[in-house]
Amino acid sequence: MASGGTPVAKNRPGLIAALLAASATFSLFLIAGLAWAWSVYYSPGPPAQNDESTIVALPSGSGVSAIAARLKNAGVIRSVDMFKAAATLTGADRRLRAGEYEVPSRASLKTVIGLLTDGRVVRHFVTIPEGWSSAQAVDILNREAVLTGTIEEIPEEGSLWAETYEVTRGEPRQAVIDRMQRAAEENLAELWARRSPNTVVRSPEEAVILASIVEKETGVGAERPRVAAVFSNRIRLGMRLESDPTIIYGITKGRPLGRGIRRSELERDTGYNTYLIDGLPPTPIANPGRQSLEAVLNPPRTDDLFFVADGTGGHAFARTYDEHLRNVARWRAIEARAAGETPETVPPGVVPNAPTTAAPATPAPTGDAVITMQPPGSLRPATPARTTVPSPTTPQA
């Protein structure tokens, strides 16, 4: 029996040597493979076509294979299998996030996976400024290249919430409009619920109309409550609003006029010209912001009926017409000095280039000349509505 066990004992060293050799060979291959994988993981990737970066959009719900395929098709990785292996071995396959990514040129596999797991997506924003019309808002959306589709018709004036919105590549433009309108409805409902008994508007729709005029009359946020108070006081007294922006809207329907208002336009009844109509125009003339809406719905109690630019970017307010005339004279003097002219003496009761039934005015320009209007935010002397009795402080015609 001993002789039967002898060959096994003699062959054992050879077997061990063979196993060790195989193990060594495997280890060498393993080390070489790991070194190669390490090199691929950290080495620069393919160059971008524009030598700067490549935009890749990964839809929500995409799996590792679909993501790898998109990255390969976009030219930001060299191998689908290497990406999947790297994502699996690092545990990144469970943390990859959808979105739009800007991958730098020659980004390594490690960099690409890091972008996707950190969620460093490209973000796009669209801003609708306060006081811009719906036509202008559509222009903004049409210029945004990441959006798709067309807007069939211009939204109702005042129906958009002036705000900055985040949009995604491929999002339909109409979908963004829908979001803006929902935001307007929600915010208006919230503000209307907190309105003051002192407000003169009788509905949310009237609030938007008056707020749009306030928005266009002053760009100084701190002044909006006081401007809203002036218009509220005029409405209470039955005085016409006499707001230049309403003339312009009646002409352009929300586009910039690009010049002064002509005499014929001042006298044109477009339905919006508040020098000719009583009360509010039929629709808003812009999309007002929160501050203007809050000012209209919660106006402060003042006796102001007029305002005009004061040369500082703000306005001088007045309770009486005589006080307003003095403020206008100061503004005209500032204008003249800025133009290098000698300020003219303004006779009592005269507002240059400001036709009014409340006091004598300078001769009107002949023909259809462009009229030098009051600075934005200024009001001409009030014209009492025909159906009301003017306030004792309002000069009679």
Protein backbone atom coordinates (compact mmCIF):
# COMPACT_ATOMS: atom_id res chain seq x y z
CA MET A 1 0.00 0.00 0.00
CA ALA A 2 2.93 2.24 0.72
CA SER A 3 4.09 1.85 -2.84
CA GLY A 4 0.63 3.02 -4.00
CA GLY A 5 1.00 6.36 -2.17
CA THR A 6 4.51 7.12 -3.31
CA PRO A 7 3.66 8.53 -6.78
CA VAL A 8 1.20 11.02 -5.25
CA ALA A 9 3.81 12.35 -2.89
CA LYS A 10 6.31 12.61 -5.73
CA ASN A 11 3.83 14.57 -8.00
CA ARG A 12 2.66 17.02 -5.31
CA PRO A 13 5.54 19.54 -5.70
CA GLY A 14 4.94 19.68 -9.44
CA LEU A 15 1.23 20.35 -8.95
CA ILE A 16 1.93 23.11 -6.50
CA ALA A 17 4.45 24.64 -8.84
CA ALA A 18 1.94 24.53 -11.69
CA LEU A 19 -0.72 26.16 -9.53
CA LEU A 20 1.66 28.85 -8.42
CA ALA A 21 2.67 29.51 -11.99
CA ALA A 22 -0.94 29.72 -13.07
CA SER A 23 -1.73 32.00 -10.16
CA ALA A 24 1.18 34.22 -11.01
CA THR A 25 0.12 34.34 -14.62
CA PHE A 26 -3.48 35.17 -13.61
CA SER A 27 -2.22 37.83 -11.24
CA LEU A 28 -0.16 39.37 -13.98
CA PHE A 29 -3.13 39.40 -16.30
CA LEU A 30 -5.32 40.80 -13.51
CA ILE A 31 -2.80 43.52 -12.72
CA ALA A 32 -2.45 44.31 -16.39
CA GLY A 33 -6.21 44.39 -16.79
CA LEU A 34 -6.66 46.63 -13.76
CA ALA A 35 -3.92 48.90 -14.98
CA TRP A 36 -5.59 49.11 -18.36
CA ALA A 37 -9.01 49.75 -16.81
CA TRP A 38 -7.49 52.36 -14.52
CA SER A 39 -5.89 54.01 -17.50
CA VAL A 40 -9.13 54.01 -19.47
CA TYR A 41 -11.07 55.34 -16.46
CA TYR A 42 -8.75 58.28 -15.93
CA SER A 43 -7.38 58.94 -19.39
CA PRO A 44 -8.78 61.74 -21.59
CA GLY A 45 -11.90 60.89 -23.56
CA PRO A 46 -12.84 61.81 -27.14
CA PRO A 47 -12.54 65.46 -28.23
CA ALA A 48 -15.70 67.50 -28.65
CA GLN A 49 -16.65 68.44 -32.18
CA ASN A 50 -16.45 72.13 -31.32
CA ASP A 51 -13.30 71.62 -29.19
CA GLU A 52 -15.09 72.93 -26.10
CA SER A 53 -17.94 70.75 -24.91
CA THR A 54 -20.78 68.47 -25.95
CA ILE A 55 -24.40 68.76 -24.83
CA VAL A 56 -26.05 65.44 -23.99
CA ALA A 57 -29.67 65.07 -22.86
CA LEU A 58 -30.53 61.99 -20.80
CA PRO A 59 -34.29 61.37 -20.52
CA SER A 60 -35.83 60.52 -17.18
CA GLY A 61 -36.12 56.78 -16.61
CA SER A 62 -33.14 55.86 -18.78
CA GLY A 63 -31.20 52.77 -17.67
CA VAL A 64 -27.43 52.35 -17.66
CA SER A 65 -27.41 50.74 -21.12
CA ALA A 66 -29.53 53.54 -22.65
CA ILE A 67 -27.39 56.21 -20.99
CA ALA A 68 -24.19 54.57 -22.22
CA ALA A 69 -25.60 54.38 -25.74
CA ARG A 70 -26.55 58.08 -25.73
CA LEU A 71 -23.11 59.06 -24.45
CA LYS A 72 -21.44 56.94 -27.12
CA ASN A 73 -23.62 58.37 -29.89
CA ALA A 74 -22.85 61.88 -28.68
CA GLY A 75 -19.15 61.12 -28.86
CA VAL A 76 -18.26 61.70 -25.20
CA ILE A 77 -17.23 58.10 -24.38
CA ARG A 78 -15.37 55.52 -26.44
CA SER A 79 -16.95 52.29 -25.20
CA VAL A 80 -20.44 51.42 -24.01
CA ASP A 81 -19.12 48.33 -22.22
CA MET A 82 -16.40 50.25 -20.40
CA PHE A 83 -18.89 52.83 -19.21
CA LYS A 84 -21.27 50.16 -17.94
CA ALA A 85 -18.42 48.28 -16.24
CA ALA A 86 -17.06 51.44 -14.63
CA ALA A 87 -20.52 52.50 -13.48
CA THR A 88 -21.19 49.06 -11.99
CA LEU A 89 -17.81 48.67 -10.27
CA THR A 90 -18.00 52.15 -8.71
CA GLY A 91 -21.65 51.79 -7.72
CA ALA A 92 -22.55 54.77 -9.90
CA ASP A 93 -25.09 52.76 -11.86
CA ARG A 94 -27.60 53.31 -9.04
CA ARG A 95 -26.96 57.06 -8.82
CA LEU A 96 -27.00 58.27 -12.43
CA ARG A 97 -29.36 61.23 -12.90
CA ALA A 98 -31.36 62.31 -15.92
CA GLY A 99 -31.04 65.79 -17.36
CA GLU A 100 -29.06 67.87 -19.80
CA TYR A 101 -25.29 67.78 -19.36
CA GLU A 102 -22.45 69.79 -20.83
CA VAL A 103 -19.51 67.40 -21.10
CA PRO A 104 -16.11 69.08 -21.52
CA SER A 105 -13.97 68.09 -24.48
CA ARG A 106 -11.74 65.08 -23.72
CA ALA A 107 -13.49 64.45 -20.39
CA SER A 108 -12.33 61.21 -18.78
CA LEU A 109 -14.72 58.40 -17.97
CA LYS A 110 -14.37 59.34 -14.31
CA THR A 111 -15.36 62.94 -15.11
CA VAL A 112 -18.38 61.87 -17.15
CA ILE A 113 -19.63 59.53 -14.43
CA GLY A 114 -19.02 62.24 -11.84
CA LEU A 115 -21.15 64.71 -13.80
CA LEU A 116 -24.01 62.24 -14.01
CA THR A 117 -23.93 61.15 -10.38
CA ASP A 118 -23.58 64.70 -9.04
CA GLY A 119 -26.45 65.86 -11.22
CA ARG A 120 -24.51 68.86 -12.55
CA VAL A 121 -27.09 69.54 -15.24
CA VAL A 122 -27.25 72.51 -17.57
CA ARG A 123 -30.00 74.87 -16.39
CA HIS A 124 -31.93 77.20 -18.66
CA PHE A 125 -33.93 80.20 -17.46
CA VAL A 126 -36.41 82.49 -19.17
CA THR A 127 -37.32 85.83 -17.61
CA ILE A 128 -40.50 87.77 -18.32
CA PRO A 129 -39.78 91.25 -16.93
CA GLU A 130 -42.45 93.05 -14.95
CA GLY A 131 -44.37 95.47 -17.12
CA TRP A 132 -43.71 93.69 -20.42
CA SER A 133 -46.65 92.92 -22.65
CA SER A 134 -47.80 89.46 -23.67
CA ALA A 135 -46.57 90.12 -27.22
CA GLN A 136 -43.11 90.86 -25.84
CA ALA A 137 -43.25 87.71 -23.69
CA VAL A 138 -43.94 85.65 -26.79
CA ASP A 139 -40.95 87.29 -28.48
CA ILE A 140 -38.75 86.23 -25.55
CA LEU A 141 -39.92 82.62 -25.76
CA ASN A 142 -39.51 82.51 -29.53
CA ARG A 143 -35.88 83.60 -29.15
CA GLU A 144 -35.11 80.82 -26.65
CA ALA A 145 -33.45 78.15 -28.78
CA VAL A 146 -33.85 75.28 -26.29
CA LEU A 147 -37.65 75.49 -26.51
CA THR A 148 -39.72 73.87 -29.23
CA GLY A 149 -43.06 74.35 -30.95
CA THR A 150 -45.01 77.48 -31.71
CA ILE A 151 -47.40 79.67 -29.75
CA GLU A 152 -50.64 79.73 -31.68
CA GLU A 153 -51.83 83.13 -30.45
CA ILE A 154 -50.67 85.88 -28.14
CA PRO A 155 -52.00 85.25 -24.61
CA GLU A 156 -54.48 87.66 -23.08
CA GLU A 157 -52.79 90.77 -21.77
CA GLY A 158 -52.11 90.57 -18.06
CA SER A 159 -52.55 86.78 -17.95
CA LEU A 160 -48.83 86.01 -17.54
CA TRP A 161 -46.94 86.11 -14.25
CA ALA A 162 -43.80 88.22 -14.61
CA GLU A 163 -41.07 85.99 -13.20
CA THR A 164 -37.97 83.94 -14.02
CA TYR A 165 -38.79 80.37 -15.05
CA GLU A 166 -36.53 77.37 -15.40
CA VAL A 167 -37.11 75.55 -18.68
CA THR A 168 -35.72 72.34 -20.11
CA ARG A 169 -34.37 71.63 -23.56
CA GLY A 170 -37.16 70.44 -25.83
CA GLU A 171 -39.95 71.88 -23.66
CA PRO A 172 -42.81 73.27 -25.80
CA ARG A 173 -43.17 77.04 -25.76
CA GLN A 174 -46.91 76.72 -25.21
CA ALA A 175 -46.22 74.63 -22.10
CA VAL A 176 -44.17 77.51 -20.69
CA ILE A 177 -47.03 79.92 -21.44
CA ASP A 178 -49.39 77.57 -19.60
CA ARG A 179 -47.08 77.59 -16.58
CA MET A 180 -46.97 81.39 -16.60
CA GLN A 181 -50.75 81.62 -16.72
CA ARG A 182 -51.19 79.13 -13.88
CA ALA A 183 -48.70 81.12 -11.80
CA ALA A 184 -50.65 84.32 -12.53
CA GLU A 185 -53.94 82.76 -11.45
CA GLU A 186 -52.47 81.36 -8.24
CA ASN A 187 -50.65 84.52 -7.23
CA LEU A 188 -53.55 86.80 -8.08
CA ALA A 189 -55.91 84.66 -5.99
CA GLU A 190 -53.52 84.88 -3.05
CA LEU A 191 -53.14 88.67 -3.34
CA TRP A 192 -56.85 89.27 -3.86
CA ALA A 193 -57.64 87.38 -0.67
CA ARG A 194 -55.41 89.84 1.23
CA ARG A 195 -56.77 93.04 -0.34
CA SER A 196 -57.48 96.11 1.75
CA PRO A 197 -60.97 97.65 2.08
CA ASN A 198 -59.27 100.82 0.83
CA THR A 199 -58.80 99.45 -2.68
CA VAL A 200 -60.92 100.94 -5.46
CA VAL A 201 -60.85 97.89 -7.72
CA ARG A 202 -63.91 95.67 -7.64
CA SER A 203 -62.53 92.45 -9.08
CA PRO A 204 -59.23 90.66 -9.64
CA GLU A 205 -59.50 91.60 -13.32
CA GLU A 206 -59.71 95.31 -12.47
CA ALA A 207 -56.75 94.89 -10.12
CA VAL A 208 -54.59 93.59 -12.97
CA ILE A 209 -55.68 96.46 -15.26
CA LEU A 210 -54.85 99.18 -12.75
CA ALA A 211 -51.64 97.44 -11.65
CA SER A 212 -50.46 97.28 -15.26
CA ILE A 213 -50.81 101.08 -15.52
CA VAL A 214 -48.94 101.56 -12.24
CA GLU A 215 -46.23 99.23 -13.54
CA LYS A 216 -45.77 101.23 -16.74
CA GLU A 217 -45.83 104.61 -15.00
CA THR A 218 -42.86 104.05 -12.68
CA GLY A 219 -39.87 101.79 -12.57
CA VAL A 220 -39.10 102.71 -8.96
CA GLY A 221 -40.44 99.94 -6.75
CA ALA A 222 -40.71 102.08 -3.63
CA GLU A 223 -42.96 104.55 -5.49
CA ARG A 224 -45.53 102.08 -6.71
CA PRO A 225 -47.77 102.30 -3.62
CA ARG A 226 -47.89 106.08 -3.91
CA VAL A 227 -48.53 105.99 -7.66
CA ALA A 228 -51.29 103.47 -7.01
CA ALA A 229 -52.71 105.87 -4.43
CA VAL A 230 -52.77 108.71 -6.98
CA PHE A 231 -54.73 106.63 -9.47
CA SER A 232 -57.02 105.32 -6.73
CA ASN A 233 -57.77 108.89 -5.63
CA ARG A 234 -58.54 109.90 -9.19
CA ILE A 235 -60.93 106.99 -9.61
CA ARG A 236 -62.72 107.87 -6.37
CA LEU A 237 -63.15 111.47 -7.55
CA GLY A 238 -64.30 110.46 -11.01
CA MET A 239 -61.20 111.96 -12.63
CA ARG A 240 -59.71 110.50 -15.74
CA LEU A 241 -56.46 108.65 -15.24
CA GLU A 242 -54.69 110.45 -18.12
CA SER A 243 -51.82 107.99 -18.40
CA ASP A 244 -49.50 108.18 -21.41
CA PRO A 245 -48.80 104.40 -21.49
CA THR A 246 -52.48 103.79 -22.22
CA ILE A 247 -52.18 105.93 -25.35
CA ILE A 248 -49.20 103.90 -26.50
CA TYR A 249 -50.86 100.56 -25.83
CA GLY A 250 -53.88 101.58 -27.87
CA ILE A 251 -51.54 102.22 -30.79
CA THR A 252 -49.09 99.33 -30.58
CA LYS A 253 -50.92 96.67 -28.50
CA GLY A 254 -47.87 96.12 -26.35
CA ARG A 255 -44.99 96.86 -28.68
CA PRO A 256 -42.62 99.80 -28.02
CA LEU A 257 -43.67 102.96 -29.84
CA GLY A 258 -40.08 104.04 -30.44
CA ARG A 259 -40.85 107.76 -30.59
CA GLY A 260 -42.89 110.44 -28.97
CA ILE A 261 -46.66 110.47 -29.11
CA ARG A 262 -48.16 112.48 -31.98
CA ARG A 263 -50.86 115.05 -31.51
CA SER A 264 -53.27 112.97 -33.59
CA GLU A 265 -52.55 109.96 -31.37
CA LEU A 266 -53.20 111.96 -28.23
CA GLU A 267 -56.64 112.76 -29.63
CA ARG A 268 -57.36 109.27 -31.00
CA ASP A 269 -59.95 107.20 -29.17
CA THR A 270 -58.54 103.69 -29.31
CA GLY A 271 -60.59 102.49 -26.39
CA TYR A 272 -57.45 102.62 -24.22
CA ASN A 273 -56.67 106.34 -24.28
CA THR A 274 -57.40 107.38 -20.68
CA TYR A 275 -57.29 111.05 -21.68
CA LEU A 276 -60.54 110.38 -23.54
CA ILE A 277 -62.24 107.53 -21.66
CA ASP A 278 -63.55 107.47 -18.11
CA GLY A 279 -62.28 104.87 -15.67
CA LEU A 280 -60.09 101.93 -16.57
CA PRO A 281 -59.21 100.73 -20.08
CA PRO A 282 -60.89 97.49 -21.23
CA THR A 283 -57.85 95.26 -20.59
CA PRO A 284 -54.46 95.46 -18.90
CA ILE A 285 -51.71 97.19 -20.88
CA ALA A 286 -48.92 94.89 -19.62
CA ASN A 287 -48.23 92.00 -17.28
CA PRO A 288 -47.76 93.61 -13.86
CA GLY A 289 -45.53 92.28 -11.11
CA ARG A 290 -46.37 91.40 -7.54
CA GLN A 291 -45.34 94.79 -6.17
CA SER A 292 -47.70 96.73 -8.42
CA LEU A 293 -50.58 94.37 -7.66
CA GLU A 294 -49.96 94.68 -3.93
CA ALA A 295 -49.88 98.48 -4.28
CA VAL A 296 -53.23 98.57 -6.07
CA LEU A 297 -54.87 96.14 -3.66
CA ASN A 298 -53.44 97.90 -0.57
CA PRO A 299 -52.94 101.56 -1.53
CA PRO A 300 -51.79 103.97 1.17
CA ARG A 301 -54.09 106.82 2.18
CA THR A 302 -52.85 110.05 0.59
CA ASP A 303 -54.35 113.19 -0.93
CA ASP A 304 -52.03 113.10 -3.95
CA LEU A 305 -53.58 113.60 -7.37
CA PHE A 306 -50.51 114.37 -9.53
CA PHE A 307 -46.91 113.33 -10.02
CA VAL A 308 -44.07 114.26 -12.31
CA ALA A 309 -40.40 113.29 -12.67
CA ASP A 310 -38.08 115.02 -10.21
CA GLY A 311 -34.75 114.54 -11.96
CA THR A 312 -33.45 111.85 -9.61
CA GLY A 313 -35.14 108.89 -11.28
CA GLY A 314 -38.15 109.27 -9.01
CA HIS A 315 -41.18 111.54 -8.98
CA ALA A 316 -42.54 114.58 -7.18
CA PHE A 317 -46.11 114.15 -5.97
CA ALA A 318 -48.69 116.86 -5.46
CA ARG A 319 -52.12 117.25 -3.89
CA THR A 320 -53.18 120.35 -5.84
CA TYR A 321 -52.83 121.53 -9.39
CA ASP A 322 -50.83 124.61 -8.38
CA GLU A 323 -48.34 122.46 -6.51
CA HIS A 324 -48.14 120.17 -9.52
CA LEU A 325 -47.38 123.18 -11.78
CA ARG A 326 -44.41 124.10 -9.62
CA ASN A 327 -43.12 120.53 -9.78
CA VAL A 328 -43.50 120.50 -13.56
CA ALA A 329 -41.64 123.82 -13.83
CA ARG A 330 -38.75 122.38 -11.83
CA TRP A 331 -38.65 119.34 -14.08
CA ARG A 332 -38.66 121.48 -17.24
CA ALA A 333 -35.76 123.47 -15.83
CA ILE A 334 -33.83 120.24 -15.23
CA GLU A 335 -34.57 119.15 -18.80
CA ALA A 336 -33.39 122.48 -20.16
CA ARG A 337 -30.13 122.40 -18.20
CA ALA A 338 -29.47 118.84 -19.35
CA ALA A 339 -29.94 120.00 -22.94
CA GLY A 340 -27.70 123.03 -22.41
CA GLU A 341 -30.59 125.42 -22.81
CA THR A 342 -31.73 128.34 -20.69
CA PRO A 343 -34.73 127.33 -18.57
CA GLU A 344 -37.86 129.18 -19.56
CA THR A 345 -40.04 130.90 -17.03
CA VAL A 346 -43.30 129.02 -16.83
CA PRO A 347 -46.26 131.38 -16.34
CA PRO A 348 -48.68 130.49 -13.56
CA GLY A 349 -51.23 127.97 -14.73
CA VAL A 350 -49.28 126.87 -17.80
CA VAL A 351 -47.81 123.41 -18.37
CA PRO A 352 -45.66 123.39 -21.52
CA ASN A 353 -46.92 120.91 -24.14
CA ALA A 354 -49.58 119.66 -21.75
CA PRO A 355 -53.08 120.21 -23.17
CA THR A 356 -55.69 120.32 -20.45
CA THR A 357 -59.18 121.59 -19.73
CA ALA A 358 -58.19 122.48 -16.18
CA ALA A 359 -56.05 125.54 -16.98
CA PRO A 360 -54.82 127.55 -19.97
CA ALA A 361 -52.16 125.78 -22.00
CA THR A 362 -49.51 126.92 -24.41
CA PRO A 363 -50.50 126.90 -28.09
CA ALA A 364 -50.77 123.39 -29.44
CA PRO A 365 -48.28 122.26 -32.11
CA THR A 366 -49.52 122.58 -35.64
CA GLY A 367 -50.11 119.61 -37.89
CA ASP A 368 -49.39 116.11 -36.63
CA ALA A 369 -46.18 116.94 -34.80
CA VAL A 370 -44.66 114.71 -32.15
CA ILE A 371 -45.64 116.09 -28.78
CA THR A 372 -43.08 116.24 -25.99
CA MET A 373 -44.96 114.26 -23.39
CA GLN A 374 -44.46 114.45 -19.67
CA PRO A 375 -41.66 112.17 -18.45
CA PRO A 376 -42.73 108.56 -17.81
CA GLY A 377 -44.81 108.50 -14.70
CA SER A 378 -46.07 112.07 -15.01
CA LEU A 379 -49.71 113.06 -15.10
CA ARG A 380 -51.23 116.05 -16.77
CA PRO A 381 -53.73 118.21 -14.93
CA ALA A 382 -56.78 116.16 -14.15
CA THR A 383 -59.84 116.28 -16.37
CA PRO A 384 -62.95 115.58 -14.28
CA ALA A 385 -65.29 113.01 -15.77
CA ARG A 386 -68.50 114.48 -17.10
CA THR A 387 -70.69 112.51 -14.71
CA THR A 388 -69.05 113.62 -11.46
CA VAL A 389 -68.55 116.79 -9.49
CA PRO A 390 -64.87 117.75 -9.18
CA SER A 391 -63.21 117.83 -5.80
CA PRO A 392 -62.95 121.30 -4.22
CA THR A 393 -59.16 121.02 -4.58
CA THR A 394 -59.44 120.33 -8.33
CA PRO A 395 -59.39 123.46 -10.50
CA GLN A 396 -62.53 124.01 -12.50
CA ALA A 397 -62.39 124.22 -16.26
